[in-house]
PDB file of N, CA and C in Angstrom:
ATOM      1  N   LEU A   1       0.828  -1.187   0.000  1.00  0.00           N
ATOM      2  CA  LEU A   1       0.000   0.000   0.000  1.00  0.00           C
ATOM      3  C   LEU A   1       0.867   1.243   0.000  1.00  0.00           C
ATOM      4  N   GLN A   2       0.386   2.244  -0.669  1.00  0.00           N
ATOM      5  CA  GLN A   2       1.079   3.522  -0.656  1.00  0.00           C
ATOM      6  C   GLN A   2       0.066   4.634  -0.431  1.00  0.00           C
ATOM      7  N   PHE A   3       0.457   5.669   0.304  1.00  0.00           N
ATOM      8  CA  PHE A   3      -0.455   6.757   0.586  1.00  0.00           C
ATOM      9  C   PHE A   3       0.077   8.107   0.144  1.00  0.00           C
ATOM     10  N   ASN A   4       1.211   8.119  -0.508  1.00  0.00           N
ATOM     11  CA  ASN A   4       1.762   9.365  -1.002  1.00  0.00           C
ATOM     12  C   ASN A   4       1.805   9.283  -2.517  1.00  0.00           C
ATOM     13  N   GLY A   5       1.209  10.238  -3.185  1.00  0.00           N
ATOM     14  CA  GLY A   5       1.226  10.260  -4.637  1.00  0.00           C
ATOM     15  C   GLY A   5       0.360   9.180  -5.265  1.00  0.00           C
ATOM     16  N   LEU A   6      -0.774   8.894  -4.663  1.00  0.00           N
ATOM     17  CA  LEU A   6      -1.681   7.887  -5.209  1.00  0.00           C
ATOM     18  C   LEU A   6      -2.204   8.310  -6.574  1.00  0.00           C
ATOM     19  N   MET A   7      -2.398   7.329  -7.432  1.00  0.00           N
ATOM     20  CA  MET A   7      -3.062   7.608  -8.700  1.00  0.00           C
ATOM     21  C   MET A   7      -4.536   7.823  -8.394  1.00  0.00           C
ATOM     22  N   GLU A   8      -5.218   8.517  -9.300  1.00  0.00           N
ATOM     23  CA  GLU A   8      -6.625   8.781  -9.051  1.00  0.00           C
ATOM     24  C   GLU A   8      -7.468   8.233 -10.189  1.00  0.00           C
ATOM     25  N   ALA A   9      -8.593   7.643  -9.824  1.00  0.00           N
ATOM     26  CA  ALA A   9      -9.555   7.127 -10.795  1.00  0.00           C
ATOM     27  C   ALA A   9     -10.696   8.128 -10.904  1.00  0.00           C
ATOM     28  N   LYS A  10     -10.865   8.703 -12.080  1.00  0.00           N
ATOM     29  CA  LYS A  10     -11.941   9.673 -12.316  1.00  0.00           C
ATOM     30  C   LYS A  10     -13.268   8.929 -12.430  1.00  0.00           C
ATOM     31  N   LEU A  11     -14.328   9.543 -11.939  1.00  0.00           N
ATOM     32  CA  LEU A  11     -15.650   8.920 -11.933  1.00  0.00           C
ATOM     33  C   LEU A  11     -16.609   9.611 -12.896  1.00  0.00           C
ATOM     34  N   GLY A  12     -16.156   9.860 -14.089  1.00  0.00           N
ATOM     35  CA  GLY A  12     -17.003  10.476 -15.107  1.00  0.00           C
ATOM     36  C   GLY A  12     -17.516  11.832 -14.666  1.00  0.00           C
ATOM     37  N   SER A  13     -18.828  12.016 -14.755  1.00  0.00           N
ATOM     38  CA  SER A  13     -19.414  13.304 -14.369  1.00  0.00           C
ATOM     39  C   SER A  13     -19.656  13.398 -12.875  1.00  0.00           C
ATOM     40  N   GLY A  14     -19.350  12.343 -12.137  1.00  0.00           N
ATOM     41  CA  GLY A  14     -19.464  12.362 -10.683  1.00  0.00           C
ATOM     42  C   GLY A  14     -20.678  11.615 -10.171  1.00  0.00           C
ATOM     43  N   ILE A  15     -20.649  11.314  -8.891  1.00  0.00           N
ATOM     44  CA  ILE A  15     -21.725  10.586  -8.222  1.00  0.00           C
ATOM     45  C   ILE A  15     -22.311  11.507  -7.162  1.00  0.00           C
ATOM     46  N   ASN A  16     -23.619  11.665  -7.196  1.00  0.00           N
ATOM     47  CA  ASN A  16     -24.318  12.532  -6.240  1.00  0.00           C
ATOM     48  C   ASN A  16     -24.234  11.905  -4.851  1.00  0.00           C
ATOM     49  N   ILE A  17     -23.469  12.522  -3.966  1.00  0.00           N
ATOM     50  CA  ILE A  17     -23.223  11.966  -2.638  1.00  0.00           C
ATOM     51  C   ILE A  17     -24.498  11.881  -1.814  1.00  0.00           C
ATOM     52  N   ALA A  18     -25.285  12.940  -1.780  1.00  0.00           N
ATOM     53  CA  ALA A  18     -26.510  12.936  -0.969  1.00  0.00           C
ATOM     54  C   ALA A  18     -27.485  11.864  -1.443  1.00  0.00           C
ATOM     55  N   ALA A  19     -27.551  11.642  -2.744  1.00  0.00           N
ATOM     56  CA  ALA A  19     -28.486  10.641  -3.275  1.00  0.00           C
ATOM     57  C   ALA A  19     -28.098   9.229  -2.846  1.00  0.00           C
ATOM     58  N   VAL A  20     -26.818   8.868  -2.971  1.00  0.00           N
ATOM     59  CA  VAL A  20     -26.422   7.497  -2.631  1.00  0.00           C
ATOM     60  C   VAL A  20     -26.427   7.265  -1.121  1.00  0.00           C
ATOM     61  N   VAL A  21     -26.058   8.284  -0.334  1.00  0.00           N
ATOM     62  CA  VAL A  21     -26.094   8.136   1.123  1.00  0.00           C
ATOM     63  C   VAL A  21     -27.541   8.055   1.598  1.00  0.00           C
ATOM     64  N   GLY A  22     -28.429   8.849   1.036  1.00  0.00           N
ATOM     65  CA  GLY A  22     -29.843   8.787   1.385  1.00  0.00           C
ATOM     66  C   GLY A  22     -30.428   7.410   1.116  1.00  0.00           C
ATOM     67  N   GLN A  23     -30.029   6.814  -0.014  1.00  0.00           N
ATOM     68  CA  GLN A  23     -30.503   5.476  -0.361  1.00  0.00           C
ATOM     69  C   GLN A  23     -30.051   4.436   0.652  1.00  0.00           C
ATOM     70  N   VAL A  24     -28.793   4.491   1.071  1.00  0.00           N
ATOM     71  CA  VAL A  24     -28.287   3.496   2.021  1.00  0.00           C
ATOM     72  C   VAL A  24     -28.923   3.677   3.394  1.00  0.00           C
ATOM     73  N   LEU A  25     -29.199   4.907   3.793  1.00  0.00           N
ATOM     74  CA  LEU A  25     -29.877   5.138   5.070  1.00  0.00           C
ATOM     75  C   LEU A  25     -31.301   4.592   5.036  1.00  0.00           C
ATOM     76  N   GLN A  26     -31.992   4.810   3.930  1.00  0.00           N
ATOM     77  CA  GLN A  26     -33.364   4.308   3.790  1.00  0.00           C
ATOM     78  C   GLN A  26     -33.376   2.780   3.763  1.00  0.00           C
ATOM     79  N   LEU A  27     -32.443   2.187   3.054  1.00  0.00           N
ATOM     80  CA  LEU A  27     -32.360   0.734   2.984  1.00  0.00           C
ATOM     81  C   LEU A  27     -32.082   0.137   4.358  1.00  0.00           C
ATOM     82  N   GLU A  28     -31.226   0.792   5.126  1.00  0.00           N
ATOM     83  CA  GLU A  28     -30.937   0.327   6.486  1.00  0.00           C
ATOM     84  C   GLU A  28     -32.215   0.301   7.322  1.00  0.00           C
ATOM     85  N   ASP A  29     -33.052   1.319   7.178  1.00  0.00           N
ATOM     86  CA  ASP A  29     -34.324   1.351   7.906  1.00  0.00           C
ATOM     87  C   ASP A  29     -35.243   0.200   7.493  1.00  0.00           C
ATOM     88  N   ILE A  30     -35.320  -0.052   6.204  1.00  0.00           N
ATOM     89  CA  ILE A  30     -36.172  -1.134   5.704  1.00  0.00           C
ATOM     90  C   ILE A  30     -35.706  -2.475   6.264  1.00  0.00           C
ATOM     91  N   LEU A  31     -34.421  -2.732   6.195  1.00  0.00           N
ATOM     92  CA  LEU A  31     -33.890  -3.998   6.695  1.00  0.00           C
ATOM     93  C   LEU A  31     -34.050  -4.113   8.203  1.00  0.00           C
ATOM     94  N   SER A  32     -33.883  -3.006   8.913  1.00  0.00           N
ATOM     95  CA  SER A  32     -34.045  -3.019  10.359  1.00  0.00           C
ATOM     96  C   SER A  32     -35.493  -3.335  10.740  1.00  0.00           C
ATOM     97  N   GLU A  33     -36.444  -2.742  10.040  1.00  0.00           N
ATOM     98  CA  GLU A  33     -37.861  -3.017  10.303  1.00  0.00           C
ATOM     99  C   GLU A  33     -38.190  -4.482  10.036  1.00  0.00           C
ATOM    100  N   GLN A  34     -37.680  -5.015   8.941  1.00  0.00           N
ATOM    101  CA  GLN A  34     -37.931  -6.422   8.617  1.00  0.00           C
ATOM    102  C   GLN A  34     -37.328  -7.328   9.677  1.00  0.00           C
ATOM    103  N   TYR A  35     -36.151  -6.978  10.153  1.00  0.00           N
ATOM    104  CA  TYR A  35     -35.496  -7.792  11.170  1.00  0.00           C
ATOM    105  C   TYR A  35     -36.276  -7.751  12.483  1.00  0.00           C
ATOM    106  N   GLN A  36     -36.729  -6.564  12.874  1.00  0.00           N
ATOM    107  CA  GLN A  36     -37.490  -6.431  14.109  1.00  0.00           C
ATOM    108  C   GLN A  36     -38.813  -7.186  14.047  1.00  0.00           C
ATOM    109  N   GLN A  37     -39.379  -7.267  12.857  1.00  0.00           N
ATOM    110  CA  GLN A  37     -40.629  -8.000  12.678  1.00  0.00           C
ATOM    111  C   GLN A  37     -40.362  -9.475  12.401  1.00  0.00           C
ATOM    112  N   GLN A  38     -39.106  -9.857  12.493  1.00  0.00           N
ATOM    113  CA  GLN A  38     -38.651 -11.230  12.261  1.00  0.00           C
ATOM    114  C   GLN A  38     -39.071 -11.748  10.889  1.00  0.00           C
ATOM    115  N   GLU A  39     -39.045 -10.829   9.917  1.00  0.00           N
ATOM    116  CA  GLU A  39     -39.356 -11.195   8.543  1.00  0.00           C
ATOM    117  C   GLU A  39     -38.086 -11.339   7.712  1.00  0.00           C
ATOM    118  N   TYR A  40     -36.959 -11.136   8.344  1.00  0.00           N
ATOM    119  CA  TYR A  40     -35.689 -11.151   7.617  1.00  0.00           C
ATOM    120  C   TYR A  40     -35.066 -12.537   7.708  1.00  0.00           C
ATOM    121  N   ASP A  41     -34.776 -13.119   6.578  1.00  0.00           N
ATOM    122  CA  ASP A  41     -34.042 -14.383   6.535  1.00  0.00           C
ATOM    123  C   ASP A  41     -33.198 -14.399   5.262  1.00  0.00           C
ATOM    124  N   ASP A  42     -32.636 -15.520   4.933  1.00  0.00           N
ATOM    125  CA  ASP A  42     -31.750 -15.614   3.768  1.00  0.00           C
ATOM    126  C   ASP A  42     -32.470 -15.359   2.453  1.00  0.00           C
ATOM    127  N   THR A  43     -33.790 -15.466   2.439  1.00  0.00           N
ATOM    128  CA  THR A  43     -34.535 -15.296   1.200  1.00  0.00           C
ATOM    129  C   THR A  43     -35.116 -13.893   1.054  1.00  0.00           C
ATOM    130  N   THR A  44     -34.913 -13.035   2.044  1.00  0.00           N
ATOM    131  CA  THR A  44     -35.435 -11.675   1.985  1.00  0.00           C
ATOM    132  C   THR A  44     -34.773 -10.928   0.837  1.00  0.00           C
ATOM    133  N   THR A  45     -35.590 -10.280   0.043  1.00  0.00           N
ATOM    134  CA  THR A  45     -35.050  -9.493  -1.067  1.00  0.00           C
ATOM    135  C   THR A  45     -35.146  -8.019  -0.720  1.00  0.00           C
ATOM    136  N   VAL A  46     -34.197  -7.286  -1.205  1.00  0.00           N
ATOM    137  CA  VAL A  46     -34.203  -5.840  -1.001  1.00  0.00           C
ATOM    138  C   VAL A  46     -34.614  -5.188  -2.306  1.00  0.00           C
ATOM    139  N   PRO A  47     -35.194  -4.007  -2.233  1.00  0.00           N
ATOM    140  CA  PRO A  47     -35.623  -3.320  -3.451  1.00  0.00           C
ATOM    141  C   PRO A  47     -34.440  -3.049  -4.378  1.00  0.00           C
ATOM    142  N   THR A  48     -34.668  -3.216  -5.668  1.00  0.00           N
ATOM    143  CA  THR A  48     -33.600  -2.964  -6.636  1.00  0.00           C
ATOM    144  C   THR A  48     -33.788  -1.633  -7.349  1.00  0.00           C
ATOM    145  N   SER A  49     -34.955  -1.036  -7.228  1.00  0.00           N
ATOM    146  CA  SER A  49     -35.168   0.275  -7.828  1.00  0.00           C
ATOM    147  C   SER A  49     -34.823   1.352  -6.808  1.00  0.00           C
ATOM    148  N   GLN A  50     -34.818   2.577  -7.249  1.00  0.00           N
ATOM    149  CA  GLN A  50     -34.468   3.662  -6.344  1.00  0.00           C
ATOM    150  C   GLN A  50     -35.545   3.799  -5.278  1.00  0.00           C
ATOM    151  N   LEU A  51     -35.122   3.903  -4.033  1.00  0.00           N
ATOM    152  CA  LEU A  51     -36.034   4.007  -2.899  1.00  0.00           C
ATOM    153  C   LEU A  51     -36.513   5.440  -2.725  1.00  0.00           C
ATOM    154  N   GLN A  52     -37.734   5.571  -2.222  1.00  0.00           N
ATOM    155  CA  GLN A  52     -38.231   6.880  -1.818  1.00  0.00           C
ATOM    156  C   GLN A  52     -37.599   7.192  -0.466  1.00  0.00           C
ATOM    157  N   VAL A  53     -36.787   8.228  -0.388  1.00  0.00           N
ATOM    158  CA  VAL A  53     -36.031   8.544   0.816  1.00  0.00           C
ATOM    159  C   VAL A  53     -36.849   9.465   1.713  1.00  0.00           C
ATOM    160  N   GLN A  54     -36.962   9.085   2.992  1.00  0.00           N
ATOM    161  CA  GLN A  54     -37.673   9.909   3.970  1.00  0.00           C
ATOM    162  C   GLN A  54     -36.944  11.231   4.160  1.00  0.00           C
ATOM    163  N   GLU A  55     -37.697  12.222   4.596  1.00  0.00           N
ATOM    164  CA  GLU A  55     -37.152  13.564   4.771  1.00  0.00           C
ATOM    165  C   GLU A  55     -35.985  13.595   5.765  1.00  0.00           C
ATOM    166  N   THR A  56     -36.092  12.827   6.845  1.00  0.00           N
ATOM    167  CA  THR A  56     -35.009  12.822   7.838  1.00  0.00           C
ATOM    168  C   THR A  56     -33.725  12.236   7.256  1.00  0.00           C
ATOM    169  N   HIS A  57     -33.862  11.171   6.464  1.00  0.00           N
ATOM    170  CA  HIS A  57     -32.686  10.575   5.830  1.00  0.00           C
ATOM    171  C   HIS A  57     -32.104  11.509   4.774  1.00  0.00           C
ATOM    172  N   GLU A  58     -32.980  12.197   4.080  1.00  0.00           N
ATOM    173  CA  GLU A  58     -32.519  13.139   3.066  1.00  0.00           C
ATOM    174  C   GLU A  58     -31.735  14.272   3.708  1.00  0.00           C
ATOM    175  N   ALA A  59     -32.226  14.773   4.850  1.00  0.00           N
ATOM    176  CA  ALA A  59     -31.517  15.847   5.559  1.00  0.00           C
ATOM    177  C   ALA A  59     -30.154  15.364   6.042  1.00  0.00           C
ATOM    178  N   MET A  60     -30.120  14.154   6.580  1.00  0.00           N
ATOM    179  CA  MET A  60     -28.854  13.605   7.060  1.00  0.00           C
ATOM    180  C   MET A  60     -27.878  13.386   5.893  1.00  0.00           C
ATOM    181  N   ALA A  61     -28.389  12.928   4.777  1.00  0.00           N
ATOM    182  CA  ALA A  61     -27.539  12.712   3.601  1.00  0.00           C
ATOM    183  C   ALA A  61     -26.947  14.024   3.101  1.00  0.00           C
ATOM    184  N   HIS A  62     -27.721  15.101   3.160  1.00  0.00           N
ATOM    185  CA  HIS A  62     -27.201  16.411   2.758  1.00  0.00           C
ATOM    186  C   HIS A  62     -26.147  16.910   3.750  1.00  0.00           C
ATOM    187  N   GLN A  63     -26.330  16.598   5.028  1.00  0.00           N
ATOM    188  CA  GLN A  63     -25.313  16.959   6.027  1.00  0.00           C
ATOM    189  C   GLN A  63     -24.009  16.210   5.760  1.00  0.00           C
ATOM    190  N   VAL A  64     -24.117  14.936   5.391  1.00  0.00           N
ATOM    191  CA  VAL A  64     -22.931  14.144   5.050  1.00  0.00           C
ATOM    192  C   VAL A  64     -22.220  14.768   3.852  1.00  0.00           C
ATOM    193  N   ALA A  65     -22.984  15.106   2.811  1.00  0.00           N
ATOM    194  CA  ALA A  65     -22.400  15.706   1.614  1.00  0.00           C
ATOM    195  C   ALA A  65     -21.725  17.036   1.937  1.00  0.00           C
ATOM    196  N   ASP A  66     -22.383  17.864   2.755  1.00  0.00           N
ATOM    197  CA  ASP A  66     -21.796  19.153   3.148  1.00  0.00           C
ATOM    198  C   ASP A  66     -20.512  18.963   3.942  1.00  0.00           C
ATOM    199  N   CYS A  67     -20.518  17.995   4.853  1.00  0.00           N
ATOM    200  CA  CYS A  67     -19.322  17.704   5.659  1.00  0.00           C
ATOM    201  C   CYS A  67     -18.162  17.294   4.756  1.00  0.00           C
ATOM    202  N   LEU A  68     -18.438  16.424   3.793  1.00  0.00           N
ATOM    203  CA  LEU A  68     -17.382  15.979   2.880  1.00  0.00           C
ATOM    204  C   LEU A  68     -16.891  17.124   2.009  1.00  0.00           C
ATOM    205  N   LEU A  69     -17.800  17.996   1.590  1.00  0.00           N
ATOM    206  CA  LEU A  69     -17.384  19.155   0.800  1.00  0.00           C
ATOM    207  C   LEU A  69     -16.484  20.068   1.629  1.00  0.00           C
ATOM    208  N   ASP A  70     -16.818  20.245   2.898  1.00  0.00           N
ATOM    209  CA  ASP A  70     -15.979  21.067   3.784  1.00  0.00           C
ATOM    210  C   ASP A  70     -14.569  20.497   3.920  1.00  0.00           C
ATOM    211  N   GLN A  71     -14.441  19.185   3.856  1.00  0.00           N
ATOM    212  CA  GLN A  71     -13.146  18.512   4.008  1.00  0.00           C
ATOM    213  C   GLN A  71     -12.502  18.157   2.661  1.00  0.00           C
ATOM    214  N   SER A  72     -13.098  18.623   1.568  1.00  0.00           N
ATOM    215  CA  SER A  72     -12.671  18.182   0.236  1.00  0.00           C
ATOM    216  C   SER A  72     -11.218  18.509  -0.095  1.00  0.00           C
ATOM    217  N   GLU A  73     -10.735  19.653   0.351  1.00  0.00           N
ATOM    218  CA  GLU A  73      -9.349  20.027   0.050  1.00  0.00           C
ATOM    219  C   GLU A  73      -8.368  19.030   0.675  1.00  0.00           C
ATOM    220  N   MET A  74      -8.602  18.696   1.933  1.00  0.00           N
ATOM    221  CA  MET A  74      -7.738  17.734   2.623  1.00  0.00           C
ATOM    222  C   MET A  74      -7.874  16.337   2.018  1.00  0.00           C
ATOM    223  N   LEU A  75      -9.112  15.935   1.727  1.00  0.00           N
ATOM    224  CA  LEU A  75      -9.338  14.606   1.139  1.00  0.00           C
ATOM    225  C   LEU A  75      -8.636  14.479  -0.217  1.00  0.00           C
ATOM    226  N   LYS A  76      -8.648  15.542  -0.987  1.00  0.00           N
ATOM    227  CA  LYS A  76      -7.987  15.532  -2.294  1.00  0.00           C
ATOM    228  C   LYS A  76      -6.465  15.491  -2.135  1.00  0.00           C
ATOM    229  N   GLU A  77      -5.943  16.325  -1.262  1.00  0.00           N
ATOM    230  CA  GLU A  77      -4.491  16.419  -1.085  1.00  0.00           C
ATOM    231  C   GLU A  77      -3.890  15.118  -0.560  1.00  0.00           C
ATOM    232  N   TYR A  78      -4.519  14.536   0.452  1.00  0.00           N
ATOM    233  CA  TYR A  78      -3.944  13.352   1.086  1.00  0.00           C
ATOM    234  C   TYR A  78      -4.353  12.036   0.436  1.00  0.00           C
ATOM    235  N   TYR A  79      -5.573  11.952  -0.047  1.00  0.00           N
ATOM    236  CA  TYR A  79      -6.105  10.651  -0.482  1.00  0.00           C
ATOM    237  C   TYR A  79      -6.596  10.591  -1.923  1.00  0.00           C
ATOM    238  N   GLN A  80      -6.525  11.685  -2.663  1.00  0.00           N
ATOM    239  CA  GLN A  80      -7.018  11.737  -4.041  1.00  0.00           C
ATOM    240  C   GLN A  80      -8.514  11.443  -4.134  1.00  0.00           C
ATOM    241  N   ILE A  81      -9.257  11.797  -3.085  1.00  0.00           N
ATOM    242  CA  ILE A  81     -10.714  11.683  -3.116  1.00  0.00           C
ATOM    243  C   ILE A  81     -11.247  13.040  -3.549  1.00  0.00           C
ATOM    244  N   GLY A  82     -11.808  13.088  -4.761  1.00  0.00           N
ATOM    245  CA  GLY A  82     -12.293  14.344  -5.320  1.00  0.00           C
ATOM    246  C   GLY A  82     -13.760  14.572  -5.006  1.00  0.00           C
ATOM    247  N   ILE A  83     -14.066  15.705  -4.380  1.00  0.00           N
ATOM    248  CA  ILE A  83     -15.439  16.080  -4.043  1.00  0.00           C
ATOM    249  C   ILE A  83     -15.609  17.537  -4.439  1.00  0.00           C
ATOM    250  N   GLU A  84     -16.651  17.808  -5.205  1.00  0.00           N
ATOM    251  CA  GLU A  84     -16.889  19.185  -5.642  1.00  0.00           C
ATOM    252  C   GLU A  84     -18.367  19.419  -5.916  1.00  0.00           C
ATOM    253  N   ARG A  85     -18.725  20.679  -6.005  1.00  0.00           N
ATOM    254  CA  ARG A  85     -20.105  21.047  -6.344  1.00  0.00           C
ATOM    255  C   ARG A  85     -20.329  20.834  -7.836  1.00  0.00           C
ATOM    256  N   SER A  86     -21.555  20.486  -8.186  1.00  0.00           N
ATOM    257  CA  SER A  86     -21.895  20.344  -9.600  1.00  0.00           C
ATOM    258  C   SER A  86     -21.877  21.714 -10.263  1.00  0.00           C
ATOM    259  N   SER A  87     -21.885  21.733 -11.580  1.00  0.00           N
ATOM    260  CA  SER A  87     -21.790  23.001 -12.303  1.00  0.00           C
ATOM    261  C   SER A  87     -22.984  23.918 -12.026  1.00  0.00           C
ATOM    262  N   ASN A  88     -24.135  23.338 -11.693  1.00  0.00           N
ATOM    263  CA  ASN A  88     -25.300  24.174 -11.379  1.00  0.00           C
ATOM    264  C   ASN A  88     -25.445  24.434  -9.879  1.00  0.00           C
ATOM    265  N   ASN A  89     -24.445  24.004  -9.087  1.00  0.00           N
ATOM    266  CA  ASN A  89     -24.377  24.223  -7.633  1.00  0.00           C
ATOM    267  C   ASN A  89     -25.494  23.548  -6.850  1.00  0.00           C
ATOM    268  N   ASP A  90     -26.236  22.643  -7.462  1.00  0.00           N
ATOM    269  CA  ASP A  90     -27.319  21.952  -6.759  1.00  0.00           C
ATOM    270  C   ASP A  90     -26.834  20.751  -5.971  1.00  0.00           C
ATOM    271  N   ASP A  91     -25.873  20.021  -6.527  1.00  0.00           N
ATOM    272  CA  ASP A  91     -25.446  18.761  -5.937  1.00  0.00           C
ATOM    273  C   ASP A  91     -23.972  18.796  -5.560  1.00  0.00           C
ATOM    274  N   ILE A  92     -23.618  17.926  -4.621  1.00  0.00           N
ATOM    275  CA  ILE A  92     -22.214  17.724  -4.261  1.00  0.00           C
ATOM    276  C   ILE A  92     -21.829  16.356  -4.798  1.00  0.00           C
ATOM    277  N   LEU A  93     -20.780  16.317  -5.606  1.00  0.00           N
ATOM    278  CA  LEU A  93     -20.426  15.117  -6.349  1.00  0.00           C
ATOM    279  C   LEU A  93     -19.090  14.530  -5.913  1.00  0.00           C
ATOM    280  N   LEU A  94     -19.042  13.222  -5.898  1.00  0.00           N
ATOM    281  CA  LEU A  94     -17.783  12.496  -5.753  1.00  0.00           C
ATOM    282  C   LEU A  94     -17.236  12.341  -7.173  1.00  0.00           C
ATOM    283  N   THR A  95     -16.057  12.909  -7.431  1.00  0.00           N
ATOM    284  CA  THR A  95     -15.533  12.925  -8.795  1.00  0.00           C
ATOM    285  C   THR A  95     -14.331  12.013  -9.020  1.00  0.00           C
ATOM    286  N   SER A  96     -13.659  11.606  -7.924  1.00  0.00           N
ATOM    287  CA  SER A  96     -12.523  10.701  -8.087  1.00  0.00           C
ATOM    288  C   SER A  96     -12.246   9.950  -6.795  1.00  0.00           C
ATOM    289  N   LEU A  97     -11.623   8.795  -6.954  1.00  0.00           N
ATOM    290  CA  LEU A  97     -11.202   7.952  -5.835  1.00  0.00           C
ATOM    291  C   LEU A  97      -9.753   7.538  -6.060  1.00  0.00           C
ATOM    292  N   PRO A  98      -9.039   7.221  -4.988  1.00  0.00           N
ATOM    293  CA  PRO A  98      -7.642   6.811  -5.162  1.00  0.00           C
ATOM    294  C   PRO A  98      -7.542   5.374  -5.672  1.00  0.00           C
ATOM    295  N   VAL A  99      -6.477   5.114  -6.393  1.00  0.00           N
ATOM    296  CA  VAL A  99      -6.147   3.738  -6.779  1.00  0.00           C
ATOM    297  C   VAL A  99      -5.116   3.279  -5.748  1.00  0.00           C
ATOM    298  N   VAL A 100      -5.575   2.538  -4.751  1.00  0.00           N
ATOM    299  CA  VAL A 100      -4.704   2.123  -3.657  1.00  0.00           C
ATOM    300  C   VAL A 100      -3.970   0.837  -4.017  1.00  0.00           C
ATOM    301  N   LEU A 101      -4.687  -0.113  -4.577  1.00  0.00           N
ATOM    302  CA  LEU A 101      -4.091  -1.379  -5.012  1.00  0.00           C
ATOM    303  C   LEU A 101      -4.231  -1.481  -6.527  1.00  0.00           C
ATOM    304  N   GLN A 102      -3.123  -1.494  -7.206  1.00  0.00           N
ATOM    305  CA  GLN A 102      -3.121  -1.562  -8.668  1.00  0.00           C
ATOM    306  C   GLN A 102      -3.894  -2.791  -9.134  1.00  0.00           C
ATOM    307  N   GLY A 103      -4.841  -2.590 -10.046  1.00  0.00           N
ATOM    308  CA  GLY A 103      -5.600  -3.694 -10.615  1.00  0.00           C
ATOM    309  C   GLY A 103      -6.815  -4.113  -9.803  1.00  0.00           C
ATOM    310  N   HIS A 104      -7.025  -3.494  -8.634  1.00  0.00           N
ATOM    311  CA  HIS A 104      -8.177  -3.842  -7.789  1.00  0.00           C
ATOM    312  C   HIS A 104      -9.307  -2.855  -8.017  1.00  0.00           C
ATOM    313  N   CYS A 105     -10.500  -3.381  -8.224  1.00  0.00           N
ATOM    314  CA  CYS A 105     -11.684  -2.543  -8.380  1.00  0.00           C
ATOM    315  C   CYS A 105     -12.634  -2.853  -7.226  1.00  0.00           C
ATOM    316  N   PRO A 106     -12.836  -1.919  -6.307  1.00  0.00           N
ATOM    317  CA  PRO A 106     -13.714  -2.183  -5.164  1.00  0.00           C
ATOM    318  C   PRO A 106     -15.173  -2.351  -5.607  1.00  0.00           C
ATOM    319  N   GLN A 107     -15.959  -2.993  -4.757  1.00  0.00           N
ATOM    320  CA  GLN A 107     -17.371  -3.200  -5.045  1.00  0.00           C
ATOM    321  C   GLN A 107     -18.121  -1.862  -5.000  1.00  0.00           C
ATOM    322  N   PRO A 108     -18.819  -1.511  -6.069  1.00  0.00           N
ATOM    323  CA  PRO A 108     -19.576  -0.251  -6.079  1.00  0.00           C
ATOM    324  C   PRO A 108     -20.649  -0.195  -4.995  1.00  0.00           C
ATOM    325  N   SER A 109     -21.164  -1.334  -4.584  1.00  0.00           N
ATOM    326  CA  SER A 109     -22.223  -1.349  -3.572  1.00  0.00           C
ATOM    327  C   SER A 109     -21.723  -0.869  -2.210  1.00  0.00           C
ATOM    328  N   GLY A 110     -20.422  -0.859  -2.003  1.00  0.00           N
ATOM    329  CA  GLY A 110     -19.863  -0.397  -0.741  1.00  0.00           C
ATOM    330  C   GLY A 110     -19.636   1.106  -0.682  1.00  0.00           C
ATOM    331  N   LEU A 111     -19.788   1.786  -1.806  1.00  0.00           N
ATOM    332  CA  LEU A 111     -19.498   3.218  -1.878  1.00  0.00           C
ATOM    333  C   LEU A 111     -20.376   4.071  -0.955  1.00  0.00           C
ATOM    334  N   PRO A 112     -21.690   3.886  -0.914  1.00  0.00           N
ATOM    335  CA  PRO A 112     -22.494   4.740  -0.030  1.00  0.00           C
ATOM    336  C   PRO A 112     -22.099   4.632   1.442  1.00  0.00           C
ATOM    337  N   LEU A 113     -21.858   3.432   1.913  1.00  0.00           N
ATOM    338  CA  LEU A 113     -21.456   3.260   3.310  1.00  0.00           C
ATOM    339  C   LEU A 113     -20.066   3.846   3.550  1.00  0.00           C
ATOM    340  N   PHE A 114     -19.170   3.718   2.579  1.00  0.00           N
ATOM    341  CA  PHE A 114     -17.842   4.327   2.682  1.00  0.00           C
ATOM    342  C   PHE A 114     -17.971   5.840   2.841  1.00  0.00           C
ATOM    343  N   LEU A 115     -18.815   6.462   2.035  1.00  0.00           N
ATOM    344  CA  LEU A 115     -19.000   7.922   2.110  1.00  0.00           C
ATOM    345  C   LEU A 115     -19.594   8.337   3.457  1.00  0.00           C
ATOM    346  N   LEU A 116     -20.554   7.563   3.930  1.00  0.00           N
ATOM    347  CA  LEU A 116     -21.158   7.852   5.234  1.00  0.00           C
ATOM    348  C   LEU A 116     -20.129   7.772   6.349  1.00  0.00           C
ATOM    349  N   ARG A 117     -19.319   6.740   6.317  1.00  0.00           N
ATOM    350  CA  ARG A 117     -18.285   6.565   7.352  1.00  0.00           C
ATOM    351  C   ARG A 117     -17.187   7.609   7.230  1.00  0.00           C
ATOM    352  N   LEU A 118     -16.882   8.006   6.027  1.00  0.00           N
ATOM    353  CA  LEU A 118     -15.858   9.026   5.803  1.00  0.00           C
ATOM    354  C   LEU A 118     -16.261  10.353   6.437  1.00  0.00           C
ATOM    355  N   ALA A 119     -17.552  10.616   6.470  1.00  0.00           N
ATOM    356  CA  ALA A 119     -18.049  11.886   7.012  1.00  0.00           C
ATOM    357  C   ALA A 119     -18.256  11.856   8.521  1.00  0.00           C
ATOM    358  N   THR A 120     -18.268  10.666   9.111  1.00  0.00           N
ATOM    359  CA  THR A 120     -18.591  10.592  10.544  1.00  0.00           C
ATOM    360  C   THR A 120     -17.415  10.159  11.379  1.00  0.00           C
TER     361      THR A 120
END
């Protein structure tokens, strides 16, 4: 592993941080409710379409995005994690990630939880 001078992987036009974090928070609630009702087992399926995000989760997701934007300069300098506002200033986007292990592509499904943990 190396942490100085990491290569960076560009993420096209970027990933809306608040949208993906809001989705993971909402999904966590759904799974928690199913578990509490003892409806969760190995055959439980999770929604594959975009979830309707509750207002509280949406607010928290925007706080996460704002926190990451506030730390974006440091994240870029030390870790090659690119975070910036969209061109219309509506969204905060993840624009790049570091290449820590050459040839390794992390699971995209882990990205929302990574962003949430990065902010907290």
